Amino acid sequence: MRRILLLAPLLLLAAGCGLPQSSESEATDGAREAARKAGEQLDGRRPRTAEEVGWAASQIEGVAVMRVTGTSTQDGDGVDLVVRTSGSAYHRWVDLEEITVRRCFTLRVSPESRWREDPHAVDCPDGPALAFAPPPEPPRLPGGELRAALPRVPRDGRVDEAEVRRALAALDLEPGIRAEVEADGGRVGVVLLVEAAEGNRVDPQDCLLARVVPGTTEVWVRPRVQRMPGEGGCTVANALDPARPPH
């Protein structure tokens, strides 16, 4: 009789709501959701190597990268990852303690990846999680040094393009920074570009503009919106004739 009384609440629950999902299945769903959220953070539109994608994934809390295939997000089918995540569940009527599982899923990182796509479960590869070196820091654009090096020309003077080029050469720019110079109507415009960002069609370009005219030498960075791909904010033409700032 005592056993029947103890089972009565469980029987009522099963009759009224159906059998609850098993704790292991619910925990697996939690692991899958963690993998799906990781995939959302690994934006495939941004050009990155497989090593860079692996490093980015490994920095996401609760994600271990077990395998990486492919060369870059822009080549072929992009970069495929096998990631390991965990999930937990606890039903006080069934479990003695919380159930935690670790599961592996595949993620594809490419411009063709579907947003919020459910990852596919796979067997976890043997061995420890992979380790990745962080990507190198982009070169620093020398704003202060450029401002100090460029010539100051009197209002009644004449700007010498060769002098501007010599000033740039003396800066000994870091590898990965390209300088462009153009003279027009007694003015000289300068743009310094971080070359690694030029193929990126998602993030703003990293550039520095300068202009030398009689009476004024200016060095500045355009607003973010004008440095976005296609906006033309990182060109010598924009240095010679700066576009109006956005409202």
Protein backbone atom coordinates (compact mmCIF):
# COMPACT_ATOMS: atom_id res chain seq x y z
CA MET A 1 0.00 0.00 0.00
CA ARG A 2 2.84 2.39 0.92
CA ARG A 3 4.54 1.72 -2.46
CA ILE A 4 1.30 2.47 -4.31
CA LEU A 5 0.96 5.80 -2.50
CA LEU A 6 4.54 6.76 -3.41
CA LEU A 7 3.97 5.95 -7.05
CA ALA A 8 0.69 7.84 -7.28
CA PRO A 9 2.21 11.30 -8.00
CA LEU A 10 4.35 9.84 -10.78
CA LEU A 11 1.34 8.07 -12.30
CA LEU A 12 -0.69 11.28 -12.21
CA LEU A 13 2.18 13.19 -13.89
CA ALA A 14 2.47 10.59 -16.62
CA ALA A 15 -1.28 10.57 -17.19
CA GLY A 16 -1.66 14.36 -17.20
CA CYS A 17 1.47 15.52 -19.08
CA GLY A 18 2.96 12.46 -20.69
CA LEU A 19 6.27 10.88 -19.77
CA PRO A 20 8.96 13.51 -19.14
CA GLN A 21 11.98 13.65 -21.42
CA SER A 22 14.87 11.63 -20.03
CA SER A 23 17.53 13.61 -18.21
CA GLU A 24 20.24 12.40 -20.59
CA SER A 25 18.23 13.47 -23.63
CA GLU A 26 17.51 16.87 -22.09
CA ALA A 27 21.19 17.32 -21.20
CA THR A 28 22.15 16.41 -24.78
CA ASP A 29 19.76 19.07 -26.05
CA GLY A 30 21.55 21.55 -23.81
CA ALA A 31 24.90 20.56 -25.28
CA ARG A 32 23.50 20.95 -28.79
CA GLU A 33 22.17 24.42 -27.94
CA ALA A 34 25.62 25.43 -26.64
CA ALA A 35 27.16 24.28 -29.94
CA ARG A 36 24.51 26.15 -31.94
CA LYS A 37 25.22 29.38 -30.06
CA ALA A 38 28.94 28.90 -30.70
CA GLY A 39 28.20 28.60 -34.41
CA GLU A 40 26.33 31.91 -34.29
CA GLN A 41 29.40 33.63 -32.89
CA LEU A 42 31.68 32.28 -35.63
CA ASP A 43 30.54 34.63 -38.37
CA GLY A 44 31.51 33.02 -41.70
CA ARG A 45 31.38 36.23 -43.70
CA ARG A 46 34.65 37.46 -42.21
CA PRO A 47 37.70 36.11 -44.10
CA ARG A 48 39.74 33.97 -41.71
CA THR A 49 42.09 31.03 -41.92
CA ALA A 50 41.17 27.68 -40.40
CA GLU A 51 43.69 28.36 -37.61
CA GLU A 52 41.99 31.67 -36.84
CA VAL A 53 38.54 30.06 -36.79
CA GLY A 54 39.80 27.32 -34.48
CA TRP A 55 41.31 29.85 -32.12
CA ALA A 56 38.10 31.94 -32.10
CA ALA A 57 36.01 28.85 -31.31
CA SER A 58 38.37 27.78 -28.54
CA GLN A 59 37.85 31.16 -26.83
CA ILE A 60 34.10 30.56 -26.45
CA GLU A 61 33.26 29.49 -22.91
CA GLY A 62 32.36 25.82 -22.65
CA VAL A 63 33.61 24.93 -26.16
CA ALA A 64 36.49 22.55 -26.88
CA VAL A 65 37.69 22.27 -30.47
CA MET A 66 38.42 18.64 -31.34
CA ARG A 67 39.03 18.83 -35.10
CA VAL A 68 39.43 21.48 -37.83
CA THR A 69 39.31 20.86 -41.59
CA GLY A 70 39.55 23.26 -44.49
CA THR A 71 41.91 26.13 -45.23
CA SER A 72 39.85 29.32 -44.86
CA THR A 73 36.29 30.52 -44.60
CA GLN A 74 36.37 31.77 -48.19
CA ASP A 75 37.85 28.66 -49.86
CA GLY A 76 35.72 25.74 -51.02
CA ASP A 77 33.09 24.80 -48.44
CA GLY A 78 34.74 26.91 -45.76
CA VAL A 79 36.02 25.58 -42.44
CA ASP A 80 34.47 22.60 -40.65
CA LEU A 81 34.85 22.18 -36.90
CA VAL A 82 34.10 19.37 -34.51
CA VAL A 83 33.40 20.96 -31.14
CA ARG A 84 32.69 19.37 -27.79
CA THR A 85 30.16 20.96 -25.46
CA SER A 86 28.32 19.87 -22.33
CA GLY A 87 24.78 20.01 -21.03
CA SER A 88 23.10 19.20 -17.73
CA ALA A 89 19.64 18.21 -16.55
CA TYR A 90 17.99 17.15 -13.30
CA HIS A 91 14.53 15.74 -12.56
CA ARG A 92 14.05 15.44 -8.84
CA TRP A 93 11.47 12.64 -9.20
CA VAL A 94 13.83 10.51 -11.29
CA ASP A 95 17.49 11.46 -10.75
CA LEU A 96 19.54 11.05 -7.64
CA GLU A 97 21.81 13.89 -8.83
CA GLU A 98 22.26 16.21 -11.79
CA ILE A 99 23.10 14.47 -15.07
CA THR A 100 25.89 16.07 -17.15
CA VAL A 101 26.90 14.87 -20.61
CA ARG A 102 29.62 15.88 -23.06
CA ARG A 103 28.76 15.64 -26.74
CA CYS A 104 30.43 16.56 -30.04
CA PHE A 105 28.87 18.40 -32.96
CA THR A 106 29.96 19.67 -36.37
CA LEU A 107 29.92 23.35 -37.28
CA ARG A 108 30.58 24.84 -40.70
CA VAL A 109 31.97 28.36 -40.92
CA SER A 110 31.60 29.89 -44.38
CA PRO A 111 29.70 32.69 -46.14
CA GLU A 112 27.08 30.07 -47.09
CA SER A 113 26.41 28.91 -43.54
CA ARG A 114 22.78 29.20 -42.51
CA TRP A 115 21.98 31.39 -39.51
CA ARG A 116 20.97 29.42 -36.38
CA GLU A 117 21.54 26.10 -38.15
CA ASP A 118 21.29 23.11 -35.81
CA PRO A 119 24.67 21.35 -35.50
CA HIS A 120 24.90 17.64 -36.31
CA ALA A 121 25.94 15.23 -33.57
CA VAL A 122 29.07 13.15 -34.23
CA ASP A 123 31.30 10.82 -32.26
CA CYS A 124 33.93 12.71 -30.33
CA PRO A 125 37.45 12.26 -31.74
CA ASP A 126 40.00 10.60 -29.49
CA GLY A 127 42.58 12.73 -27.76
CA PRO A 128 42.61 16.11 -26.06
CA ALA A 129 41.14 19.33 -27.39
CA LEU A 130 43.24 21.23 -29.91
CA ALA A 131 45.26 24.30 -28.94
CA PHE A 132 45.74 27.30 -31.21
CA ALA A 133 48.07 30.24 -31.25
CA PRO A 134 46.27 33.60 -31.17
CA PRO A 135 46.30 35.47 -34.48
CA PRO A 136 48.99 38.14 -34.78
CA GLU A 137 48.02 41.65 -33.80
CA PRO A 138 47.50 43.97 -36.78
CA PRO A 139 50.23 46.56 -37.27
CA ARG A 140 49.70 49.84 -35.46
CA LEU A 141 49.07 52.86 -37.66
CA PRO A 142 51.56 55.57 -36.58
CA GLY A 143 49.26 58.56 -36.24
CA GLY A 144 51.45 60.62 -33.93
CA GLU A 145 54.64 59.83 -35.84
CA LEU A 146 53.03 60.72 -39.16
CA ARG A 147 51.77 64.02 -37.79
CA ALA A 148 55.27 64.90 -36.55
CA ALA A 149 57.02 63.82 -39.76
CA LEU A 150 54.91 65.57 -42.40
CA PRO A 151 56.11 68.99 -43.52
CA ARG A 152 54.44 72.24 -42.49
CA VAL A 153 54.12 74.59 -45.43
CA PRO A 154 53.52 78.35 -45.04
CA ARG A 155 50.28 79.76 -46.43
CA ASP A 156 52.17 81.39 -49.27
CA GLY A 157 54.38 78.33 -49.85
CA ARG A 158 54.22 75.33 -52.14
CA VAL A 159 53.78 71.72 -51.11
CA ASP A 160 56.53 69.43 -52.36
CA GLU A 161 55.25 65.89 -53.04
CA ALA A 162 58.78 64.50 -52.93
CA GLU A 163 59.26 65.93 -49.43
CA VAL A 164 56.07 64.22 -48.28
CA ARG A 165 57.26 60.90 -49.73
CA ARG A 166 60.63 61.28 -48.00
CA ALA A 167 58.84 61.89 -44.70
CA LEU A 168 56.85 58.67 -45.16
CA ALA A 169 59.95 56.70 -46.07
CA ALA A 170 61.66 57.93 -42.91
CA LEU A 171 58.85 56.43 -40.79
CA ASP A 172 59.99 52.90 -41.73
CA LEU A 173 56.42 51.58 -41.68
CA GLU A 174 55.71 48.13 -40.29
CA PRO A 175 55.18 45.29 -42.77
CA GLY A 176 51.51 45.08 -43.64
CA ILE A 177 50.99 48.84 -43.87
CA ARG A 178 50.71 50.32 -47.36
CA ALA A 179 51.15 54.03 -48.04
CA GLU A 180 49.56 55.86 -50.96
CA VAL A 181 50.38 59.44 -51.93
CA GLU A 182 48.74 61.69 -54.49
CA ALA A 183 49.22 65.35 -55.40
CA ASP A 184 46.47 67.52 -56.82
CA GLY A 185 46.18 71.28 -57.25
CA GLY A 186 48.96 72.20 -54.83
CA ARG A 187 47.79 69.71 -52.21
CA VAL A 188 49.19 66.30 -51.25
CA GLY A 189 46.99 63.56 -49.82
CA VAL A 190 48.24 60.50 -47.93
CA VAL A 191 46.53 57.28 -46.84
CA LEU A 192 48.04 54.52 -44.72
CA LEU A 193 46.20 51.20 -44.98
CA VAL A 194 46.47 47.95 -43.04
CA GLU A 195 46.63 45.52 -45.95
CA ALA A 196 45.32 42.48 -44.04
CA ALA A 197 41.91 44.14 -43.66
CA GLU A 198 41.40 44.99 -47.32
CA GLY A 199 39.74 41.68 -48.26
CA ASN A 200 37.38 41.87 -45.31
CA ARG A 201 33.92 42.86 -46.55
CA VAL A 202 32.35 42.93 -43.10
CA ASP A 203 34.43 45.05 -40.72
CA PRO A 204 35.57 48.66 -41.11
CA GLN A 205 38.93 49.19 -42.76
CA ASP A 206 41.87 50.27 -40.64
CA CYS A 207 43.31 53.40 -42.23
CA LEU A 208 44.83 56.78 -41.48
CA LEU A 209 44.40 59.84 -43.69
CA ALA A 210 46.57 62.93 -43.98
CA ARG A 211 46.61 66.09 -46.07
CA VAL A 212 49.33 68.69 -46.57
CA VAL A 213 48.21 72.05 -47.98
CA PRO A 214 49.77 75.50 -47.66
CA GLY A 215 49.06 76.63 -44.13
CA THR A 216 47.68 73.30 -42.83
CA THR A 217 48.91 69.77 -42.19
CA GLU A 218 46.21 67.38 -40.98
CA VAL A 219 46.18 63.73 -39.87
CA TRP A 220 42.91 62.01 -38.93
CA VAL A 221 40.85 58.81 -38.84
CA ARG A 222 37.50 58.73 -40.60
CA PRO A 223 34.38 57.71 -38.62
CA ARG A 224 33.64 54.00 -38.56
CA VAL A 225 30.70 54.25 -40.96
CA GLN A 226 32.91 55.88 -43.61
CA ARG A 227 35.54 53.14 -43.22
CA MET A 228 33.08 50.35 -43.94
CA PRO A 229 33.67 48.44 -47.20
CA GLY A 230 32.32 50.32 -50.18
CA GLU A 231 32.08 53.69 -48.41
CA GLY A 232 35.34 55.07 -49.84
CA GLY A 233 36.59 56.54 -46.59
CA CYS A 234 40.06 54.99 -46.91
CA THR A 235 41.17 56.47 -50.23
CA VAL A 236 43.63 59.18 -51.23
CA ALA A 237 40.72 61.01 -52.87
CA ASN A 238 39.05 61.18 -49.45
CA ALA A 239 42.28 62.55 -47.99
CA LEU A 240 42.45 65.30 -50.62
CA ASP A 241 38.74 66.13 -50.39
CA PRO A 242 37.36 64.79 -47.10
CA ALA A 243 33.76 63.63 -47.23
CA ARG A 244 31.37 65.28 -44.85
CA PRO A 245 30.97 63.35 -41.58
CA PRO A 246 27.73 61.36 -41.18
CA HIS A 247 24.89 62.97 -39.25
